[in-house]
Structures are given as C-alpha cells and as structure tokens.
Amino acid sequence: MFNQAFAVFGRFAGVCLLLLLQACAGLQEGGSDALVLEDGTVFTGFETEKPEVQKALLAQFREWRGTPYKLGGNSKAGIDCSAFVQQTLNTHFNITAPRSTTQQVNMGVDVGRDAMQVGDLVFFRTGYTTKHVGFYLGDGKFLHASTKVGVTISRLDDLYWRKTFWKVRRVM
C-alpha cells in the first residue's frame, strides 16, 4: 500500500515539476508578458492608464536585464541609473533628458507618492550627496539600474527603498 501511494505521489510530483518548468521557461523566454524577477516573484503587468508606456518599459527591461551597474557607464558593458533613464526616455519616448540624476530631478512636475503613474520617475536619496532614479511600473514596482544586480525591477516597499525614497517626477 505504501509503495503504491509513493509511486502515485512520485508521478504526480513529476508532472507538477514538468508543468512548472515549462511555465517558467515560457515566462523567462517571453512566451507571455510575464517575467520572473530576481526575488522570485512573477511580474505580469496589470491594468494601467498607460499600457503603452508600461509595454515600452518592460521591453527596455527585457533588452537590458542584468546589464551590470557601472558608475558613469552608458552601454551594455555597464550603465548607471541616470544613463539608463536617459537612454530609455530617448529610445522609447523621444524625450531628451539630462545625463545626471541631479539634473533629472528637475524634469517634469512633482507628483505625490499616492498619485504615481506608470512611467513616472522615482528618486531616492541613497547617501549624503548620492541620489538614485528609476521608472515606476505600477503595483509598487520600479525599473532601474541597481548597483548590486544591474538593470532590474525592485519593490518600492523593500526596506532600503522605503527608507531612501525621496520624490516622484512626471515627465510624460
């Protein structure tokens, strides 16, 4: 009896594992709009007032994902947060942006944290004189060039980002 139950469980577990692997492969290879993020969560996109903006940002993420962070970098060999924002705005939205975070924080208009929309720039004070910038994706997530993992999507409610959050600017 135990052997039969174990055999049935083994087949069931095997089928589940196979389905999971196929689903994950489809997510990571772009079989749908879903993405598996570094923290293991699945980001599928969501209803938004700006679906084209979100699509463009996710396309930029797919193209640049994992590109390492390099202070002063401006290529796939290494890029910093402000260069990533500058390139994304130029490539996908035909918006000319300044090169530095200090200058980018003066673009557009101030927006309250409770009124953020997809595509808004989110800024952080990460040190006494250092700042960080990324794009709000909605659902509490943002796209940026992280010093630790390169181009990635992170959660605004992460302890570090919550603690260093500074302001939001709407540029589109």
C-alpha atoms as a PDB file:
ATOM      1  CA  MET A   1       0.000   0.000   0.000  1.00  0.00           C
ATOM      2  CA  PHE A   2       2.790   2.408   0.946  1.00  0.00           C
ATOM      3  CA  ASN A   3       4.668   1.627  -2.278  1.00  0.00           C
ATOM      4  CA  GLN A   4       1.559   2.322  -4.397  1.00  0.00           C
ATOM      5  CA  ALA A   5       0.928   5.625  -2.647  1.00  0.00           C
ATOM      6  CA  PHE A   6       4.577   6.593  -3.056  1.00  0.00           C
ATOM      7  CA  ALA A   7       4.503   5.704  -6.762  1.00  0.00           C
ATOM      8  CA  VAL A   8       1.351   7.782  -7.338  1.00  0.00           C
ATOM      9  CA  PHE A   9       2.851  10.693  -5.418  1.00  0.00           C
ATOM     10  CA  GLY A  10       6.082  10.388  -7.445  1.00  0.00           C
ATOM     11  CA  ARG A  11       4.204  10.545 -10.760  1.00  0.00           C
ATOM     12  CA  PHE A  12       2.112  13.476  -9.521  1.00  0.00           C
ATOM     13  CA  ALA A  13       5.219  15.355  -8.337  1.00  0.00           C
ATOM     14  CA  GLY A  14       6.944  14.646 -11.663  1.00  0.00           C
ATOM     15  CA  VAL A  15       4.020  16.012 -13.676  1.00  0.00           C
ATOM     16  CA  CYS A  16       3.850  19.102 -11.445  1.00  0.00           C
ATOM     17  CA  LEU A  17       7.589  19.689 -11.830  1.00  0.00           C
ATOM     18  CA  LEU A  18       7.360  19.333 -15.606  1.00  0.00           C
ATOM     19  CA  LEU A  19       4.468  21.819 -15.788  1.00  0.00           C
ATOM     20  CA  LEU A  20       6.317  24.252 -13.539  1.00  0.00           C
ATOM     21  CA  LEU A  21       9.473  24.069 -15.649  1.00  0.00           C
ATOM     22  CA  GLN A  22       7.512  24.626 -18.848  1.00  0.00           C
ATOM     23  CA  ALA A  23       5.680  27.588 -17.322  1.00  0.00           C
ATOM     24  CA  CYS A  24       8.893  29.178 -16.055  1.00  0.00           C
ATOM     25  CA  ALA A  25      10.633  28.654 -19.374  1.00  0.00           C
ATOM     26  CA  GLY A  26       7.756  30.392 -21.118  1.00  0.00           C
ATOM     27  CA  LEU A  27       7.897  33.283 -18.670  1.00  0.00           C
ATOM     28  CA  GLN A  28      11.619  33.834 -18.947  1.00  0.00           C
ATOM     29  CA  GLU A  29      11.715  33.443 -22.698  1.00  0.00           C
ATOM     30  CA  GLY A  30       8.942  35.961 -23.196  1.00  0.00           C
ATOM     31  CA  GLY A  31       6.256  33.404 -24.060  1.00  0.00           C
ATOM     32  CA  SER A  32       3.882  35.875 -22.436  1.00  0.00           C
ATOM     33  CA  ASP A  33       4.238  39.308 -20.902  1.00  0.00           C
ATOM     34  CA  ALA A  34       5.116  37.778 -17.529  1.00  0.00           C
ATOM     35  CA  LEU A  35       8.628  37.998 -16.092  1.00  0.00           C
ATOM     36  CA  VAL A  36      10.277  36.155 -13.227  1.00  0.00           C
ATOM     37  CA  LEU A  37      12.003  38.785 -11.092  1.00  0.00           C
ATOM     38  CA  GLU A  38      15.203  38.401  -9.067  1.00  0.00           C
ATOM     39  CA  ASP A  39      13.228  37.908  -5.848  1.00  0.00           C
ATOM     40  CA  GLY A  40      11.351  35.006  -7.461  1.00  0.00           C
ATOM     41  CA  THR A  41       8.061  36.845  -7.879  1.00  0.00           C
ATOM     42  CA  VAL A  42       6.262  36.845 -11.206  1.00  0.00           C
ATOM     43  CA  PHE A  43       5.513  40.213 -12.768  1.00  0.00           C
ATOM     44  CA  THR A  44       2.760  40.001 -15.356  1.00  0.00           C
ATOM     45  CA  GLY A  45       1.924  43.637 -15.860  1.00  0.00           C
ATOM     46  CA  PHE A  46      -1.519  44.832 -14.910  1.00  0.00           C
ATOM     47  CA  GLU A  47      -4.286  47.180 -15.823  1.00  0.00           C
ATOM     48  CA  THR A  48      -2.896  50.662 -16.138  1.00  0.00           C
ATOM     49  CA  GLU A  49      -3.904  54.013 -17.546  1.00  0.00           C
ATOM     50  CA  LYS A  50      -0.705  53.923 -19.595  1.00  0.00           C
ATOM     51  CA  PRO A  51      -0.427  50.426 -21.131  1.00  0.00           C
ATOM     52  CA  GLU A  52       1.862  51.570 -23.964  1.00  0.00           C
ATOM     53  CA  VAL A  53       4.269  53.184 -21.507  1.00  0.00           C
ATOM     54  CA  GLN A  54       4.350  50.022 -19.424  1.00  0.00           C
ATOM     55  CA  LYS A  55       4.939  47.874 -22.533  1.00  0.00           C
ATOM     56  CA  ALA A  56       7.836  50.086 -23.605  1.00  0.00           C
ATOM     57  CA  LEU A  57       9.419  49.979 -20.139  1.00  0.00           C
ATOM     58  CA  LEU A  58       9.114  46.200 -19.975  1.00  0.00           C
ATOM     59  CA  ALA A  59      10.640  45.930 -23.454  1.00  0.00           C
ATOM     60  CA  GLN A  60      13.563  48.052 -22.239  1.00  0.00           C
ATOM     61  CA  PHE A  61      13.894  45.790 -19.211  1.00  0.00           C
ATOM     62  CA  ARG A  62      13.983  42.651 -21.357  1.00  0.00           C
ATOM     63  CA  GLU A  63      16.673  44.182 -23.555  1.00  0.00           C
ATOM     64  CA  TRP A  64      18.874  45.465 -20.715  1.00  0.00           C
ATOM     65  CA  ARG A  65      18.108  42.971 -17.918  1.00  0.00           C
ATOM     66  CA  GLY A  66      21.213  42.054 -15.983  1.00  0.00           C
ATOM     67  CA  THR A  67      23.408  44.709 -17.587  1.00  0.00           C
ATOM     68  CA  PRO A  68      25.867  45.459 -14.781  1.00  0.00           C
ATOM     69  CA  TYR A  69      25.936  48.751 -12.953  1.00  0.00           C
ATOM     70  CA  LYS A  70      28.913  50.955 -13.727  1.00  0.00           C
ATOM     71  CA  LEU A  71      29.177  54.496 -12.393  1.00  0.00           C
ATOM     72  CA  GLY A  72      29.484  56.756 -15.422  1.00  0.00           C
ATOM     73  CA  GLY A  73      28.668  53.832 -17.743  1.00  0.00           C
ATOM     74  CA  ASN A  74      26.422  54.292 -20.728  1.00  0.00           C
ATOM     75  CA  SER A  75      26.413  50.947 -22.563  1.00  0.00           C
ATOM     76  CA  LYS A  76      25.540  47.275 -22.150  1.00  0.00           C
ATOM     77  CA  ALA A  77      29.035  46.737 -20.778  1.00  0.00           C
ATOM     78  CA  GLY A  78      27.878  48.776 -17.769  1.00  0.00           C
ATOM     79  CA  ILE A  79      25.386  51.562 -17.095  1.00  0.00           C
ATOM     80  CA  ASP A  80      24.404  53.745 -14.179  1.00  0.00           C
ATOM     81  CA  CYS A  81      20.883  54.697 -13.139  1.00  0.00           C
ATOM     82  CA  SER A  82      20.736  58.139 -14.736  1.00  0.00           C
ATOM     83  CA  ALA A  83      22.163  56.916 -18.055  1.00  0.00           C
ATOM     84  CA  PHE A  84      19.602  54.104 -18.070  1.00  0.00           C
ATOM     85  CA  VAL A  85      16.796  56.630 -17.539  1.00  0.00           C
ATOM     86  CA  GLN A  86      18.263  58.954 -20.166  1.00  0.00           C
ATOM     87  CA  GLN A  87      18.542  56.168 -22.765  1.00  0.00           C
ATOM     88  CA  THR A  88      15.092  54.772 -22.013  1.00  0.00           C
ATOM     89  CA  LEU A  89      13.415  58.157 -22.321  1.00  0.00           C
ATOM     90  CA  ASN A  90      15.222  58.876 -25.577  1.00  0.00           C
ATOM     91  CA  THR A  91      14.803  55.429 -27.168  1.00  0.00           C
ATOM     92  CA  HIS A  92      11.184  54.681 -26.268  1.00  0.00           C
ATOM     93  CA  PHE A  93       9.578  58.069 -25.692  1.00  0.00           C
ATOM     94  CA  ASN A  94      11.632  60.516 -27.794  1.00  0.00           C
ATOM     95  CA  ILE A  95      12.290  62.617 -24.680  1.00  0.00           C
ATOM     96  CA  THR A  96      15.680  64.272 -24.306  1.00  0.00           C
ATOM     97  CA  ALA A  97      16.834  64.013 -20.712  1.00  0.00           C
ATOM     98  CA  PRO A  98      19.914  65.354 -18.954  1.00  0.00           C
ATOM     99  CA  ARG A  99      22.649  62.892 -18.028  1.00  0.00           C
ATOM    100  CA  SER A 100      22.763  63.226 -14.236  1.00  0.00           C
ATOM    101  CA  THR A 101      20.248  62.381 -11.527  1.00  0.00           C
ATOM    102  CA  THR A 102      20.777  65.862 -10.063  1.00  0.00           C
ATOM    103  CA  GLN A 103      19.536  67.366 -13.331  1.00  0.00           C
ATOM    104  CA  GLN A 104      16.823  64.759 -13.977  1.00  0.00           C
ATOM    105  CA  VAL A 105      15.159  65.552 -10.658  1.00  0.00           C
ATOM    106  CA  ASN A 106      14.227  68.948 -12.145  1.00  0.00           C
ATOM    107  CA  MET A 107      12.447  67.473 -15.193  1.00  0.00           C
ATOM    108  CA  GLY A 108       8.668  67.460 -15.444  1.00  0.00           C
ATOM    109  CA  VAL A 109       6.470  68.182 -12.452  1.00  0.00           C
ATOM    110  CA  ASP A 110       6.340  66.978  -8.858  1.00  0.00           C
ATOM    111  CA  VAL A 111       3.803  64.236  -8.157  1.00  0.00           C
ATOM    112  CA  GLY A 112       2.669  62.948  -4.784  1.00  0.00           C
ATOM    113  CA  ARG A 113       3.643  59.386  -3.906  1.00  0.00           C
ATOM    114  CA  ASP A 114      -0.034  58.473  -3.735  1.00  0.00           C
ATOM    115  CA  ALA A 115      -0.607  59.746  -7.299  1.00  0.00           C
ATOM    116  CA  MET A 116       2.229  57.910  -9.079  1.00  0.00           C
ATOM    117  CA  GLN A 117       1.547  56.562 -12.561  1.00  0.00           C
ATOM    118  CA  VAL A 118       3.416  54.132 -14.773  1.00  0.00           C
ATOM    119  CA  GLY A 119       6.417  55.907 -16.301  1.00  0.00           C
ATOM    120  CA  ASP A 120       6.907  58.450 -13.535  1.00  0.00           C
ATOM    121  CA  LEU A 121      10.490  58.889 -12.374  1.00  0.00           C
ATOM    122  CA  VAL A 122      11.098  57.810  -8.777  1.00  0.00           C
ATOM    123  CA  PHE A 123      14.034  59.317  -6.921  1.00  0.00           C
ATOM    124  CA  PHE A 124      15.905  58.162  -3.832  1.00  0.00           C
ATOM    125  CA  ARG A 125      18.474  59.771  -1.557  1.00  0.00           C
ATOM    126  CA  THR A 126      20.905  56.915  -1.107  1.00  0.00           C
ATOM    127  CA  GLY A 127      23.682  58.844   0.624  1.00  0.00           C
ATOM    128  CA  TYR A 128      24.656  62.285   1.819  1.00  0.00           C
ATOM    129  CA  THR A 129      25.245  63.514  -1.740  1.00  0.00           C
ATOM    130  CA  THR A 130      24.171  60.497  -3.815  1.00  0.00           C
ATOM    131  CA  LYS A 131      20.834  60.030  -5.495  1.00  0.00           C
ATOM    132  CA  HIS A 132      19.210  57.209  -7.450  1.00  0.00           C
ATOM    133  CA  VAL A 133      16.490  57.201 -10.125  1.00  0.00           C
ATOM    134  CA  GLY A 134      14.232  54.676 -11.838  1.00  0.00           C
ATOM    135  CA  PHE A 135      10.851  54.309 -13.574  1.00  0.00           C
ATOM    136  CA  TYR A 136       7.669  53.492 -11.699  1.00  0.00           C
ATOM    137  CA  LEU A 137       5.998  50.418 -13.231  1.00  0.00           C
ATOM    138  CA  GLY A 138       2.903  50.376 -11.043  1.00  0.00           C
ATOM    139  CA  ASP A 139       1.901  47.819  -8.428  1.00  0.00           C
ATOM    140  CA  GLY A 140       4.670  49.075  -6.144  1.00  0.00           C
ATOM    141  CA  LYS A 141       7.493  48.146  -8.533  1.00  0.00           C
ATOM    142  CA  PHE A 142      10.132  50.188 -10.327  1.00  0.00           C
ATOM    143  CA  LEU A 143      12.686  49.625 -13.088  1.00  0.00           C
ATOM    144  CA  HIS A 144      16.244  50.838 -12.534  1.00  0.00           C
ATOM    145  CA  ALA A 145      19.963  50.134 -12.795  1.00  0.00           C
ATOM    146  CA  SER A 146      20.843  48.754  -9.379  1.00  0.00           C
ATOM    147  CA  THR A 147      24.378  48.979  -8.035  1.00  0.00           C
ATOM    148  CA  LYS A 148      24.094  45.369  -6.807  1.00  0.00           C
ATOM    149  CA  VAL A 149      22.397  43.468  -9.655  1.00  0.00           C
ATOM    150  CA  GLY A 150      22.413  45.847 -12.622  1.00  0.00           C
ATOM    151  CA  VAL A 151      19.248  46.560 -14.588  1.00  0.00           C
ATOM    152  CA  THR A 152      16.379  45.078 -12.614  1.00  0.00           C
ATOM    153  CA  ILE A 153      12.879  45.565 -11.229  1.00  0.00           C
ATOM    154  CA  SER A 154      12.584  46.172  -7.487  1.00  0.00           C
ATOM    155  CA  ARG A 155       9.803  46.743  -4.994  1.00  0.00           C
ATOM    156  CA  LEU A 156       9.252  50.198  -3.519  1.00  0.00           C
ATOM    157  CA  ASP A 157       8.190  48.595  -0.235  1.00  0.00           C
ATOM    158  CA  ASP A 158      11.605  46.960   0.169  1.00  0.00           C
ATOM    159  CA  LEU A 159      13.081  48.286   3.436  1.00  0.00           C
ATOM    160  CA  TYR A 160      16.018  50.014   1.710  1.00  0.00           C
ATOM    161  CA  TRP A 161      13.920  51.729  -0.971  1.00  0.00           C
ATOM    162  CA  ARG A 162      11.232  52.724   1.544  1.00  0.00           C
ATOM    163  CA  LYS A 163      13.874  54.294   3.757  1.00  0.00           C
ATOM    164  CA  THR A 164      15.606  56.220   0.953  1.00  0.00           C
ATOM    165  CA  PHE A 165      12.527  57.211  -1.099  1.00  0.00           C
ATOM    166  CA  TRP A 166      12.645  60.926  -1.939  1.00  0.00           C
ATOM    167  CA  LYS A 167      10.288  62.149  -4.656  1.00  0.00           C
ATOM    168  CA  VAL A 168       8.354  61.481  -7.859  1.00  0.00           C
ATOM    169  CA  ARG A 169       8.518  63.489 -11.087  1.00  0.00           C
ATOM    170  CA  ARG A 170       6.157  63.136 -14.057  1.00  0.00           C
ATOM    171  CA  VAL A 171       7.927  63.629 -17.386  1.00  0.00           C
ATOM    172  CA  MET A 172       5.370  62.087 -19.753  1.00  0.00           C
END
